[in-house]
Amino acid sequence: MVEVVDGSDKNQQHRFFSVPPRKLTFPHRLGSIRLYLARSTLPEKTQTDGSNPGFGARAAGPQPLGPTAASSCQMMRVPKQALREEAHMMLAAPKRQEVDHRTIKLIVGMVALSLATLTSAFAATAIASVSASYYEGGWSQSIFIGFLFAIAAFLLAYNGFTKTEMILSKVASLAALGVALFPCECGTHPALVPYVHGASAAVMFMILAYFCYAFYKRARKKGYPQAKFRAAVYVGCGAAIVLSIVSLSFDHFSHGALVQSIPRFVFYSESVGLIAFGISWLTASRTLPLITREAERFSPLRANNPS
């Protein structure tokens, strides 16, 4: 049984609700409730102004429990706001103004993982590269440009844990914008500004490979099994990104030797690099249950997260 007491006024309003008994402890506020931990016992009815007794009337002040109720009840005062706060725990007020770095990693990882697949799925033709989606128009072009802008924005917001990471994330952000704003030379379409697209893509991927190395070092220092597994994931992702850079560079400087054998070789290589990028950042977000301990697991919807 819960008695709601509105103490913002000299005449306090008493209202009673039947709820399952449970233990609640909250700091005292003006608006509060009394929680009676008894199965069927109610506080005695109070006489408010000499007229009709009963619950819900306005009284001159909080009335004490009668002897029968007092002998079988336990009482505590908790704020009215407590019930509303508990009901909305997943949407609690933020404890910090800026976006957490793990939220950034989670979003960037999901965007990078889906970029190649979505641009290809919405393209009207079998695109030879992810960048070729720029000339497809429609959803394919919108996804390509929009996702790269999103990656650029979150990389700009990410500072990492060292001065080097902070600087490189800003450079990678500019490189992602360069990839989006300066279309490649694809098929019969000339490059808007020669070499800017390819150079931007190379710089971005090299920095992403470095971040895999940075994530690896931090995971190795922790030593427990889940962290060691994450370290192995970062090694694999970093190797995949480097392999993607090397294979694309070889194809470019050999004037398309690999593309002659595999027409969509560039698309596959870019996809490998983007997927590795996405996996590494998604892993670093510490949201995945099997490779993070409960004590370190992060959720963007939880009010209190481990540091």
Protein backbone atom coordinates (compact mmCIF):
# COMPACT_ATOMS: atom_id res chain seq x y z
CA MET A 1 0.00 0.00 0.00
CA VAL A 2 1.44 3.35 -1.01
CA GLU A 3 0.34 6.69 0.45
CA VAL A 4 1.27 9.62 -1.79
CA VAL A 5 1.87 12.82 0.18
CA ASP A 6 2.16 16.12 -1.64
CA GLY A 7 4.19 18.24 0.76
CA SER A 8 4.54 21.31 -1.46
CA ASP A 9 1.64 22.90 0.38
CA LYS A 10 0.74 23.40 4.04
CA ASN A 11 -2.35 21.26 3.54
CA GLN A 12 -1.00 17.91 2.48
CA GLN A 13 -2.89 15.71 0.05
CA HIS A 14 -3.07 12.00 0.92
CA ARG A 15 -3.79 9.45 -1.78
CA PHE A 16 -3.56 5.68 -1.44
CA PHE A 17 -2.64 3.12 -4.09
CA SER A 18 -2.23 -0.63 -3.84
CA VAL A 19 1.14 -1.76 -5.18
CA PRO A 20 3.26 -4.86 -4.58
CA PRO A 21 5.53 -4.31 -1.57
CA ARG A 22 9.18 -3.79 -2.35
CA LYS A 23 12.19 -2.11 -0.84
CA LEU A 24 12.86 1.39 -2.12
CA THR A 25 15.46 3.80 -0.77
CA PHE A 26 15.69 7.31 -2.16
CA PRO A 27 16.71 10.71 -0.79
CA HIS A 28 13.94 12.75 0.86
CA ARG A 29 12.17 15.44 -1.16
CA LEU A 30 9.12 17.65 -0.52
CA GLY A 31 6.86 15.45 -2.59
CA SER A 32 7.06 11.99 -1.08
CA ILE A 33 5.21 8.78 -0.50
CA ARG A 34 4.77 6.46 2.41
CA LEU A 35 5.24 2.79 1.61
CA TYR A 36 3.45 0.34 3.87
CA LEU A 37 5.03 -3.10 3.72
CA ALA A 38 2.01 -4.99 4.96
CA ARG A 39 -0.13 -7.38 2.99
CA SER A 40 -3.53 -6.06 3.86
CA THR A 41 -3.15 -3.45 6.58
CA LEU A 42 -4.19 0.14 5.89
CA PRO A 43 -3.53 3.25 7.97
CA GLU A 44 -6.49 4.37 10.03
CA LYS A 45 -8.88 6.79 8.40
CA THR A 46 -8.35 10.36 9.40
CA GLN A 47 -10.85 13.06 10.29
CA THR A 48 -10.01 16.11 8.21
CA ASP A 49 -12.41 18.94 9.14
CA GLY A 50 -14.96 17.40 11.41
CA SER A 51 -17.06 16.10 8.53
CA ASN A 52 -16.70 12.90 6.56
CA PRO A 53 -13.63 10.78 7.35
CA GLY A 54 -11.85 8.97 4.58
CA PHE A 55 -8.89 8.70 2.34
CA GLY A 56 -8.05 11.32 -0.24
CA ALA A 57 -9.30 14.27 1.83
CA ARG A 58 -7.18 17.31 2.49
CA ALA A 59 -5.81 17.21 6.02
CA ALA A 60 -4.00 19.73 8.20
CA GLY A 61 -0.91 17.56 8.16
CA PRO A 62 0.26 13.98 7.90
CA GLN A 63 -1.70 11.80 10.29
CA PRO A 64 0.02 9.12 12.37
CA LEU A 65 -0.77 5.47 11.94
CA GLY A 66 -3.26 3.87 14.26
CA PRO A 67 -2.03 1.32 16.78
CA THR A 68 -3.17 -1.66 14.72
CA ALA A 69 -1.52 -0.47 11.56
CA ALA A 70 1.64 0.67 13.33
CA SER A 71 2.14 -2.73 14.91
CA SER A 72 2.10 -4.58 11.60
CA CYS A 73 3.54 -2.09 9.11
CA GLN A 74 6.95 -0.78 8.28
CA MET A 75 7.07 2.74 6.90
CA MET A 76 9.63 4.63 4.86
CA ARG A 77 9.45 7.90 2.97
CA VAL A 78 10.52 7.99 -0.67
CA PRO A 79 9.98 10.71 -3.29
CA LYS A 80 7.08 10.58 -5.70
CA GLN A 81 9.58 11.17 -8.50
CA ALA A 82 11.26 7.88 -7.58
CA LEU A 83 8.55 5.77 -9.16
CA ARG A 84 8.67 7.76 -12.38
CA GLU A 85 12.47 7.63 -12.47
CA GLU A 86 12.49 3.87 -11.96
CA ALA A 87 9.94 3.42 -14.74
CA HIS A 88 12.16 5.39 -17.10
CA MET A 89 15.58 4.06 -16.10
CA MET A 90 16.49 3.34 -19.72
CA LEU A 91 15.77 6.95 -20.63
CA ALA A 92 17.42 8.63 -17.67
CA ALA A 93 18.81 12.13 -17.90
CA PRO A 94 22.36 12.15 -19.31
CA LYS A 95 25.18 12.45 -16.81
CA ARG A 96 27.48 14.11 -19.35
CA GLN A 97 26.85 16.61 -22.09
CA GLU A 98 29.06 15.12 -24.78
CA VAL A 99 28.68 11.80 -26.57
CA ASP A 100 30.70 8.99 -24.97
CA HIS A 101 33.62 7.69 -27.03
CA ARG A 102 32.12 4.21 -26.97
CA THR A 103 28.90 5.51 -28.51
CA ILE A 104 31.01 7.07 -31.27
CA LYS A 105 32.76 3.76 -31.88
CA LEU A 106 29.46 1.89 -31.92
CA ILE A 107 27.89 4.19 -34.51
CA VAL A 108 31.02 4.41 -36.68
CA GLY A 109 31.38 0.64 -36.59
CA MET A 110 27.82 0.02 -37.71
CA VAL A 111 28.04 2.64 -40.48
CA ALA A 112 31.33 1.26 -41.81
CA LEU A 113 30.06 -2.32 -41.71
CA SER A 114 27.01 -1.52 -43.82
CA LEU A 115 28.48 1.03 -46.28
CA ALA A 116 29.68 -1.34 -49.01
CA THR A 117 26.69 -3.68 -48.76
CA LEU A 118 24.07 -0.93 -48.95
CA THR A 119 25.69 1.03 -51.78
CA SER A 120 25.88 -2.15 -53.84
CA ALA A 121 22.34 -3.26 -52.94
CA PHE A 122 20.76 0.02 -54.04
CA ALA A 123 22.89 0.48 -57.16
CA ALA A 124 21.23 -0.06 -60.51
CA THR A 125 24.29 -1.90 -61.84
CA ALA A 126 27.05 -4.07 -60.41
CA ILE A 127 29.34 -1.24 -59.28
CA ALA A 128 33.05 -1.81 -59.84
CA SER A 129 33.92 0.01 -56.61
CA VAL A 130 32.21 1.48 -53.57
CA SER A 131 33.20 4.94 -54.81
CA ALA A 132 31.46 4.28 -58.14
CA SER A 133 28.14 4.50 -56.30
CA TYR A 134 28.56 8.27 -56.48
CA TYR A 135 27.59 8.10 -60.17
CA GLU A 136 24.66 5.74 -59.60
CA GLY A 137 22.43 8.43 -58.20
CA GLY A 138 19.42 7.65 -56.03
CA TRP A 139 19.79 5.75 -52.78
CA SER A 140 23.21 4.37 -53.64
CA GLN A 141 24.71 7.82 -54.06
CA SER A 142 22.91 9.19 -51.00
CA ILE A 143 24.15 6.35 -48.80
CA PHE A 144 27.72 6.73 -50.05
CA ILE A 145 27.89 10.46 -49.38
CA GLY A 146 25.75 10.45 -46.23
CA PHE A 147 27.61 7.59 -44.55
CA LEU A 148 31.00 9.15 -45.30
CA PHE A 149 29.82 12.45 -43.85
CA ALA A 150 28.63 10.60 -40.74
CA ILE A 151 31.99 8.86 -40.39
CA ALA A 152 33.76 12.19 -40.86
CA ALA A 153 31.61 13.87 -38.20
CA PHE A 154 32.19 11.17 -35.59
CA LEU A 155 35.91 10.95 -36.31
CA LEU A 156 36.07 14.70 -35.82
CA ALA A 157 34.36 14.31 -32.43
CA TYR A 158 36.61 11.42 -31.37
CA ASN A 159 39.76 12.42 -29.48
CA GLY A 160 41.07 9.03 -28.43
CA PHE A 161 43.36 8.70 -25.42
CA THR A 162 46.55 10.31 -26.70
CA LYS A 163 47.56 13.44 -28.57
CA THR A 164 48.49 11.31 -31.57
CA GLU A 165 45.05 9.71 -31.70
CA MET A 166 43.39 13.10 -31.38
CA ILE A 167 45.33 14.54 -34.32
CA LEU A 168 44.96 11.46 -36.51
CA SER A 169 41.21 11.27 -35.95
CA LYS A 170 40.89 14.85 -37.25
CA VAL A 171 43.03 14.04 -40.29
CA ALA A 172 40.95 10.91 -40.96
CA SER A 173 37.81 13.04 -40.73
CA LEU A 174 39.11 15.38 -43.43
CA ALA A 175 40.14 12.38 -45.53
CA ALA A 176 36.62 10.93 -45.31
CA LEU A 177 35.24 14.25 -46.53
CA GLY A 178 37.76 14.18 -49.38
CA VAL A 179 36.49 10.76 -50.45
CA ALA A 180 32.88 11.97 -50.41
CA LEU A 181 33.33 15.39 -52.01
CA PHE A 182 35.84 14.54 -54.73
CA PRO A 183 34.48 11.68 -56.89
CA CYS A 184 36.81 9.08 -58.29
CA GLU A 185 37.71 8.42 -61.89
CA CYS A 186 35.35 5.52 -62.46
CA GLY A 187 34.68 4.06 -65.90
CA THR A 188 33.90 6.90 -68.29
CA HIS A 189 33.55 9.45 -65.48
CA PRO A 190 36.60 11.67 -65.02
CA ALA A 191 37.81 12.66 -61.56
CA LEU A 192 36.62 16.06 -60.40
CA VAL A 193 40.13 16.85 -59.09
CA PRO A 194 42.79 14.29 -60.04
CA TYR A 195 44.33 12.17 -57.25
CA VAL A 196 42.39 13.78 -54.37
CA HIS A 197 39.88 10.92 -54.05
CA GLY A 198 42.50 8.16 -54.11
CA ALA A 199 44.89 10.01 -51.79
CA SER A 200 42.10 10.73 -49.31
CA ALA A 201 41.02 7.08 -49.29
CA ALA A 202 44.60 5.91 -48.75
CA VAL A 203 45.16 8.33 -45.85
CA MET A 204 41.88 7.36 -44.19
CA PHE A 205 42.58 3.64 -44.40
CA MET A 206 46.14 4.01 -43.11
CA ILE A 207 44.93 5.95 -40.09
CA LEU A 208 42.25 3.34 -39.46
CA ALA A 209 44.96 0.68 -39.49
CA TYR A 210 46.84 2.69 -36.88
CA PHE A 211 43.74 2.82 -34.68
CA CYS A 212 43.58 -0.97 -34.82
CA TYR A 213 47.12 -0.97 -33.43
CA ALA A 214 46.14 1.52 -30.68
CA PHE A 215 43.12 -0.58 -29.71
CA TYR A 216 45.33 -3.67 -29.69
CA LYS A 217 47.84 -2.15 -27.26
CA ARG A 218 45.14 -1.13 -24.78
CA ALA A 219 43.46 -4.54 -24.94
CA ARG A 220 46.72 -6.40 -24.40
CA LYS A 221 47.45 -4.42 -21.23
CA LYS A 222 44.25 -5.65 -19.58
CA GLY A 223 45.32 -9.28 -19.74
CA TYR A 224 42.05 -11.12 -19.09
CA PRO A 225 40.67 -13.56 -21.71
CA GLN A 226 38.03 -11.31 -23.26
CA ALA A 227 40.55 -8.49 -23.71
CA LYS A 228 43.05 -10.89 -25.29
CA PHE A 229 40.38 -12.02 -27.73
CA ARG A 230 39.64 -8.40 -28.63
CA ALA A 231 43.35 -7.85 -29.16
CA ALA A 232 43.37 -10.71 -31.65
CA VAL A 233 40.37 -9.15 -33.42
CA TYR A 234 42.24 -5.85 -33.75
CA VAL A 235 45.26 -7.63 -35.21
CA GLY A 236 43.10 -9.36 -37.81
CA CYS A 237 41.25 -6.15 -38.70
CA GLY A 238 44.46 -4.16 -38.98
CA ALA A 239 45.99 -6.81 -41.22
CA ALA A 240 42.87 -6.82 -43.42
CA ILE A 241 42.98 -3.03 -43.81
CA VAL A 242 46.69 -3.07 -44.69
CA LEU A 243 46.10 -5.90 -47.18
CA SER A 244 43.30 -3.87 -48.75
CA ILE A 245 45.58 -0.83 -49.11
CA VAL A 246 48.41 -2.89 -50.63
CA SER A 247 46.18 -4.74 -53.10
CA LEU A 248 44.44 -1.56 -54.28
CA SER A 249 47.78 0.22 -54.65
CA PHE A 250 49.21 -2.68 -56.64
CA ASP A 251 46.20 -2.74 -58.96
CA HIS A 252 46.42 1.01 -59.47
CA PHE A 253 50.09 1.14 -60.29
CA SER A 254 49.88 -1.99 -62.49
CA HIS A 255 47.18 -0.27 -64.55
CA GLY A 256 44.39 -2.62 -63.50
CA ALA A 257 46.20 -5.96 -63.73
CA LEU A 258 44.02 -7.49 -61.01
CA VAL A 259 40.79 -5.93 -62.29
CA GLN A 260 41.32 -7.64 -65.65
CA SER A 261 41.06 -10.99 -63.89
CA ILE A 262 38.43 -9.99 -61.33
CA PRO A 263 36.18 -7.20 -62.68
CA ARG A 264 34.92 -6.17 -59.23
CA PHE A 265 38.28 -6.54 -57.51
CA VAL A 266 38.32 -2.91 -56.34
CA PHE A 267 34.87 -3.24 -54.82
CA TYR A 268 35.82 -6.42 -52.97
CA SER A 269 39.06 -4.91 -51.67
CA GLU A 270 37.33 -1.75 -50.49
CA SER A 271 34.63 -3.86 -48.86
CA VAL A 272 37.22 -5.88 -46.94
CA GLY A 273 38.82 -2.68 -45.64
CA LEU A 274 35.49 -1.14 -44.64
CA ILE A 275 34.24 -4.29 -42.93
CA ALA A 276 37.51 -4.63 -41.00
CA PHE A 277 37.22 -0.98 -40.01
CA GLY A 278 33.65 -1.54 -38.81
CA ILE A 279 34.46 -4.69 -36.84
CA SER A 280 37.41 -3.08 -35.06
CA TRP A 281 35.44 -0.03 -33.95
CA LEU A 282 32.36 -2.06 -33.03
CA THR A 283 34.61 -4.31 -30.91
CA ALA A 284 36.23 -1.27 -29.27
CA SER A 285 32.79 0.08 -28.31
CA ARG A 286 32.58 -2.69 -25.67
CA THR A 287 28.94 -3.36 -26.40
CA LEU A 288 29.33 -6.95 -27.64
CA PRO A 289 28.40 -9.42 -24.88
CA LEU A 290 30.67 -12.36 -25.65
CA ILE A 291 33.94 -10.44 -25.85
CA THR A 292 33.42 -8.03 -22.96
CA ARG A 293 33.07 -8.68 -19.27
CA GLU A 294 29.87 -7.63 -17.55
CA ALA A 295 31.81 -5.12 -15.44
CA GLU A 296 33.06 -3.27 -18.53
CA ARG A 297 30.12 -3.65 -20.89
CA PHE A 298 28.71 -0.43 -22.30
CA SER A 299 25.17 0.45 -23.36
CA PRO A 300 24.24 3.86 -24.82
CA LEU A 301 20.77 3.50 -23.24
CA ARG A 302 22.00 2.82 -19.70
CA ALA A 303 22.25 5.68 -17.23
CA ASN A 304 25.33 4.36 -15.42
CA ASN A 305 28.12 2.79 -17.45
CA PRO A 306 31.58 1.64 -16.41
CA SER A 307 34.34 4.12 -17.10
